[in-house]
């Protein structure tokens, strides 16, 4: 059994840590590092890697994970499976901060531990990749592209299963506004909605999100502003919608603040971004619905 390890990268310093942790690979294993110089996204980079690979199995690793000692030996054991198994996922462990609760961004990264078929460490048979065409390159971010491929692999008749190997996924430093930038993923959700219909979350095993509530909060804010132009006797409508917007925003902020460290900086960041996230999320969702309205 030959194994190819494919690592897409943007040239981050974490790549060296990953390569050092892998160490020298034994015979029968090859390592392919694909630098995404044109910033076309990890889906495109992974496709370029596996199509160049020679192994019967292709293992995708993100460039910011750290394989455990003896990771390759445990990988070989994971891949000793029935022919009907098309993919085996590694376990992801995220270190917790010492002496305090995790921030919103840290909790988002910790959520990777519960993710299914994440390409932080995911092995696929080459035959399964060839049967499905690999990753859908219309997904430009490291978001949903792995769940979408896993769905197509299973739909093609292969089984997926968890493995026993482990990688550590440190929380990378980010700006306090990372949650705003993350809302671009709503456009990718719009593509999934176009491809798989209204039940796409169920088909792909993705938990419900807050977008319906974001839509209500955004609609209340826009309605409150619009009602200001109505005659005076209708000004109560603007006040009522304004209260609905404020209540929805306060609930969202409280839900993000409560499990966190509650430092002044974190509370201020959560309060401000909780005002901005709902309209950003809905804006990206609508832009994605328009962009992908005719996607095949």
Protein backbone atom coordinates (compact mmCIF):
# COMPACT_ATOMS: atom_id res chain seq x y z
CA UNK A 1 0.00 0.00 0.00
CA UNK A 2 1.52 3.30 -1.14
CA UNK A 3 0.54 6.53 0.60
CA UNK A 4 0.75 10.12 -0.66
CA UNK A 5 0.53 13.01 1.79
CA UNK A 6 -0.73 16.27 0.27
CA UNK A 7 -0.30 19.56 2.11
CA UNK A 8 -1.76 22.76 0.62
CA UNK A 9 -0.04 25.85 1.97
CA UNK A 10 0.11 29.61 1.78
CA UNK A 11 3.71 29.51 2.94
CA UNK A 12 2.91 30.04 6.61
CA UNK A 13 5.56 29.43 9.25
CA UNK A 14 3.47 26.58 10.65
CA UNK A 15 4.41 24.50 7.59
CA UNK A 16 7.92 23.99 8.95
CA UNK A 17 6.51 22.76 12.27
CA UNK A 18 4.35 20.25 10.39
CA UNK A 19 7.24 18.97 8.27
CA UNK A 20 9.48 18.63 11.32
CA UNK A 21 6.77 16.63 13.11
CA UNK A 22 6.35 14.30 10.13
CA UNK A 23 10.07 13.67 9.99
CA UNK A 24 11.61 11.44 7.33
CA UNK A 25 8.97 9.26 5.70
CA UNK A 26 9.55 5.53 5.07
CA UNK A 27 9.61 3.85 1.70
CA UNK A 28 6.19 3.70 0.10
CA UNK A 29 5.24 7.21 1.22
CA UNK A 30 5.54 10.46 -0.67
CA UNK A 31 5.00 14.04 0.45
CA UNK A 32 3.56 16.66 -1.91
CA UNK A 33 3.44 20.29 -0.76
CA UNK A 34 1.33 22.56 -2.97
CA UNK A 35 1.89 26.27 -2.53
CA UNK A 36 -1.24 28.23 -3.41
CA UNK A 37 0.60 31.19 -4.88
CA UNK A 38 -2.40 32.46 -6.83
CA UNK A 39 -4.67 32.22 -3.77
CA UNK A 40 -7.18 30.01 -5.58
CA UNK A 41 -8.10 28.19 -2.38
CA UNK A 42 -7.31 24.90 -0.66
CA UNK A 43 -9.76 22.92 -2.81
CA UNK A 44 -7.81 23.79 -5.95
CA UNK A 45 -4.46 23.18 -4.24
CA UNK A 46 -5.54 19.77 -2.93
CA UNK A 47 -6.79 18.73 -6.36
CA UNK A 48 -3.45 19.68 -7.89
CA UNK A 49 -1.72 17.60 -5.22
CA UNK A 50 -3.71 14.38 -5.42
CA UNK A 51 -3.71 14.38 -9.23
CA UNK A 52 0.07 14.47 -9.08
CA UNK A 53 0.24 11.79 -6.39
CA UNK A 54 1.07 8.14 -7.01
CA UNK A 55 -0.29 6.54 -3.83
CA UNK A 56 -3.29 4.26 -3.51
CA UNK A 57 -4.29 6.43 -0.56
CA UNK A 58 -4.05 10.23 -0.46
CA UNK A 59 -3.86 11.88 2.95
CA UNK A 60 -4.71 15.57 3.16
CA UNK A 61 -3.11 17.56 5.98
CA UNK A 62 -3.57 21.27 6.64
CA UNK A 63 -0.34 23.22 6.96
CA UNK A 64 -1.14 24.36 10.51
CA UNK A 65 -1.52 20.98 12.22
CA UNK A 66 1.10 19.04 14.17
CA UNK A 67 0.99 15.23 13.76
CA UNK A 68 1.44 13.18 16.91
CA UNK A 69 4.56 11.03 17.40
CA UNK A 70 4.20 7.79 15.44
CA UNK A 71 1.47 9.46 13.34
CA UNK A 72 2.50 7.59 10.19
CA UNK A 73 2.47 4.22 11.94
CA UNK A 74 -1.03 4.92 13.25
CA UNK A 75 -2.06 6.09 9.78
CA UNK A 76 -1.03 2.77 8.27
CA UNK A 77 -3.18 0.99 10.84
CA UNK A 78 -6.12 3.30 10.03
CA UNK A 79 -5.86 2.47 6.34
CA UNK A 80 -6.01 -1.28 6.88
CA UNK A 81 -9.74 -1.31 6.11
CA UNK A 82 -12.29 -3.04 3.91
CA UNK A 83 -12.35 -2.18 0.21
CA UNK A 84 -15.72 -0.49 0.68
CA UNK A 85 -14.17 2.18 2.91
CA UNK A 86 -13.25 5.19 0.80
CA UNK A 87 -12.01 7.56 3.50
CA UNK A 88 -10.63 7.57 7.05
CA UNK A 89 -10.48 10.70 9.20
CA UNK A 90 -7.85 11.45 11.80
CA UNK A 91 -8.71 12.94 15.17
CA UNK A 92 -8.10 16.63 15.79
CA UNK A 93 -7.07 17.98 19.18
CA UNK A 94 -7.07 21.71 19.93
CA UNK A 95 -5.06 22.95 22.97
CA UNK A 96 -7.03 25.00 25.49
CA UNK A 97 -5.75 28.27 26.95
CA UNK A 98 -4.29 27.95 30.43
CA UNK A 99 -6.03 29.61 33.35
CA UNK A 100 -8.96 31.19 31.52
CA UNK A 101 -11.97 30.48 29.36
CA UNK A 102 -11.41 30.41 25.58
CA UNK A 103 -12.24 33.44 23.46
CA UNK A 104 -14.82 33.39 20.69
CA UNK A 105 -12.14 32.66 18.08
CA UNK A 106 -10.57 29.96 20.25
CA UNK A 107 -13.97 28.29 20.70
CA UNK A 108 -14.44 28.35 16.95
CA UNK A 109 -11.15 26.48 16.51
CA UNK A 110 -12.00 24.05 19.32
CA UNK A 111 -15.14 23.21 17.37
CA UNK A 112 -12.92 21.42 14.86
CA UNK A 113 -12.69 18.55 17.34
CA UNK A 114 -16.37 17.80 16.67
CA UNK A 115 -16.16 18.20 12.90
CA UNK A 116 -16.77 15.31 10.54
CA UNK A 117 -14.48 14.45 7.61
CA UNK A 118 -12.27 17.51 8.07
CA UNK A 119 -9.29 17.74 5.76
CA UNK A 120 -7.16 18.92 8.65
CA UNK A 121 -6.32 15.19 8.51
CA UNK A 122 -8.39 13.14 6.09
CA UNK A 123 -7.33 10.15 3.98
CA UNK A 124 -9.15 9.14 0.80
CA UNK A 125 -8.62 6.25 -1.53
CA UNK A 126 -7.38 7.51 -4.85
CA UNK A 127 -10.17 5.52 -6.50
CA UNK A 128 -12.78 7.49 -4.51
CA UNK A 129 -11.21 10.79 -5.55
CA UNK A 130 -11.12 9.73 -9.18
CA UNK A 131 -14.75 8.57 -9.05
CA UNK A 132 -15.95 11.93 -7.69
CA UNK A 133 -13.51 14.30 -9.37
CA UNK A 134 -12.07 15.48 -6.06
CA UNK A 135 -12.84 18.80 -4.42
CA UNK A 136 -15.28 21.29 -5.93
CA UNK A 137 -13.05 24.24 -6.82
CA UNK A 138 -15.96 26.67 -6.66
CA UNK A 139 -15.38 26.73 -2.90
CA UNK A 140 -12.59 29.32 -2.50
CA UNK A 141 -12.10 29.02 1.28
CA UNK A 142 -11.25 26.37 3.83
CA UNK A 143 -14.96 26.11 4.59
CA UNK A 144 -17.48 23.40 3.65
CA UNK A 145 -15.36 22.10 0.76
CA UNK A 146 -14.37 19.02 2.78
CA UNK A 147 -17.92 18.24 3.94
CA UNK A 148 -19.17 18.60 0.37
CA UNK A 149 -16.57 16.15 -0.97
CA UNK A 150 -17.37 13.66 1.80
CA UNK A 151 -21.04 13.79 0.81
CA UNK A 152 -20.24 12.99 -2.82
CA UNK A 153 -17.88 10.18 -1.85
CA UNK A 154 -20.61 8.56 0.25
CA UNK A 155 -23.17 9.14 -2.47
CA UNK A 156 -20.85 7.30 -4.86
CA UNK A 157 -21.15 4.21 -2.65
CA UNK A 158 -18.08 4.48 -0.41
CA UNK A 159 -18.11 4.35 3.37
CA UNK A 160 -16.25 6.80 5.60
CA UNK A 161 -14.99 6.04 9.07
CA UNK A 162 -13.00 7.68 11.89
CA UNK A 163 -9.44 6.58 12.55
CA UNK A 164 -7.19 6.49 15.58
CA UNK A 165 -4.33 8.80 14.56
CA UNK A 166 -4.25 12.31 16.02
CA UNK A 167 -3.04 15.75 14.99
CA UNK A 168 -2.88 18.85 17.16
CA UNK A 169 -4.42 22.00 15.70
CA UNK A 170 -3.06 25.04 17.55
CA UNK A 171 -5.17 28.19 17.61
CA UNK A 172 -3.46 30.58 15.21
CA UNK A 173 -3.26 34.27 16.14
CA UNK A 174 -6.02 36.37 14.58
CA UNK A 175 -7.24 39.93 14.72
CA UNK A 176 -10.21 40.83 16.90
CA UNK A 177 -12.29 41.20 13.72
CA UNK A 178 -11.86 37.64 12.48
CA UNK A 179 -15.54 36.86 13.09
CA UNK A 180 -16.51 39.54 10.57
CA UNK A 181 -14.24 38.09 7.90
CA UNK A 182 -15.63 34.63 8.59
CA UNK A 183 -19.07 35.73 7.40
CA UNK A 184 -17.87 35.32 3.81
CA UNK A 185 -18.56 31.63 4.30
CA UNK A 186 -22.28 32.39 3.98
CA UNK A 187 -21.73 32.72 0.22
CA UNK A 188 -20.41 29.15 0.20
CA UNK A 189 -23.51 28.04 2.08
CA UNK A 190 -25.54 29.63 -0.71
CA UNK A 191 -23.71 27.43 -3.22
CA UNK A 192 -24.55 24.35 -1.16
CA UNK A 193 -28.17 25.46 -1.03
CA UNK A 194 -28.17 25.70 -4.81
CA UNK A 195 -26.50 22.29 -5.26
CA UNK A 196 -28.44 20.26 -2.70
CA UNK A 197 -31.66 22.13 -1.99
CA UNK A 198 -33.18 23.34 1.27
CA UNK A 199 -32.09 20.24 3.24
CA UNK A 200 -28.41 20.60 2.40
CA UNK A 201 -27.37 20.79 6.06
CA UNK A 202 -28.99 17.43 6.76
CA UNK A 203 -27.42 15.77 3.72
CA UNK A 204 -23.94 17.04 4.61
CA UNK A 205 -24.25 16.55 8.39
CA UNK A 206 -23.81 20.25 9.21
CA UNK A 207 -25.54 21.55 12.37
CA UNK A 208 -28.08 24.39 12.15
CA UNK A 209 -26.68 27.91 12.17
CA UNK A 210 -27.96 31.31 13.28
CA UNK A 211 -28.69 32.68 9.83
CA UNK A 212 -32.51 32.63 10.24
CA UNK A 213 -32.15 34.74 13.39
CA UNK A 214 -29.64 36.99 11.65
CA UNK A 215 -32.22 37.54 8.90
CA UNK A 216 -34.88 38.57 11.44
CA UNK A 217 -32.52 40.93 13.25
CA UNK A 218 -31.39 42.50 9.98
CA UNK A 219 -34.98 42.86 8.78
CA UNK A 220 -35.93 44.54 12.07
CA UNK A 221 -33.06 47.03 11.73
CA UNK A 222 -33.94 47.88 8.13
CA UNK A 223 -37.62 48.11 9.00
CA UNK A 224 -36.91 50.48 11.89
CA UNK A 225 -34.93 52.76 9.60
CA UNK A 226 -37.55 52.60 6.86
CA UNK A 227 -40.42 53.34 9.25
CA UNK A 228 -38.82 56.67 10.12
CA UNK A 229 -40.01 57.94 6.74
CA UNK A 230 -43.65 57.15 7.54
CA UNK A 231 -46.11 59.76 8.83
CA UNK A 232 -45.87 60.65 12.48
CA UNK A 233 -48.68 58.37 13.64
CA UNK A 234 -46.65 55.36 12.42
CA UNK A 235 -43.46 56.25 14.31
CA UNK A 236 -44.39 53.64 16.92
CA UNK A 237 -43.60 51.02 14.30
CA UNK A 238 -40.04 52.27 14.02
CA UNK A 239 -39.66 52.16 17.80
CA UNK A 240 -41.09 48.63 17.99
CA UNK A 241 -38.81 47.33 15.25
CA UNK A 242 -35.87 49.11 16.86
CA UNK A 243 -36.56 47.32 20.12
CA UNK A 244 -36.77 44.00 18.27
CA UNK A 245 -33.38 44.71 16.64
CA UNK A 246 -31.83 45.72 19.98
CA UNK A 247 -33.21 42.63 21.72
CA UNK A 248 -32.00 40.28 19.03
CA UNK A 249 -28.56 41.89 18.99
CA UNK A 250 -28.29 41.76 22.78
CA UNK A 251 -29.24 38.06 22.81
CA UNK A 252 -26.58 37.29 20.20
CA UNK A 253 -23.90 39.25 22.06
CA UNK A 254 -24.79 37.62 25.38
CA UNK A 255 -24.59 34.14 23.84
CA UNK A 256 -21.05 34.90 22.65
CA UNK A 257 -19.87 36.68 25.79
CA UNK A 258 -21.16 34.22 28.41
CA UNK A 259 -18.82 31.27 27.64
CA UNK A 260 -15.77 33.50 27.08
CA UNK A 261 -13.15 35.06 29.35
CA UNK A 262 -15.28 38.23 29.75
CA UNK A 263 -12.31 40.55 29.73
CA UNK A 264 -13.07 44.18 28.78
CA UNK A 265 -11.42 43.73 25.37
CA UNK A 266 -13.33 40.51 24.61
CA UNK A 267 -16.66 41.95 25.77
CA UNK A 268 -16.16 45.08 23.67
CA UNK A 269 -15.23 43.01 20.61
CA UNK A 270 -18.23 40.71 21.02
CA UNK A 271 -20.61 43.63 21.51
CA UNK A 272 -19.44 45.49 18.41
CA UNK A 273 -19.16 42.48 16.13
CA UNK A 274 -22.57 41.21 17.25
CA UNK A 275 -24.05 44.40 15.78
CA UNK A 276 -22.25 43.91 12.47
CA UNK A 277 -22.39 40.13 11.95
CA UNK A 278 -26.13 39.74 11.16
CA UNK A 279 -26.21 42.19 8.21
CA UNK A 280 -22.83 40.93 6.97
CA UNK A 281 -23.99 37.31 7.11
CA UNK A 282 -27.20 38.07 5.23
CA UNK A 283 -25.39 40.26 2.71
CA UNK A 284 -22.89 37.50 1.86
CA UNK A 285 -25.72 34.94 1.73
CA UNK A 286 -27.74 37.04 -0.73
CA UNK A 287 -24.66 37.78 -2.83
CA UNK A 288 -23.94 34.04 -2.96
CA UNK A 289 -27.52 33.22 -3.90
CA UNK A 290 -27.24 35.66 -6.80
CA UNK A 291 -23.80 34.50 -7.90
CA UNK A 292 -24.71 30.81 -7.83
CA UNK A 293 -28.29 31.15 -9.08
CA UNK A 294 -27.50 29.10 -12.21
CA UNK A 295 -24.83 26.76 -10.76
CA UNK A 296 -25.04 23.22 -12.09
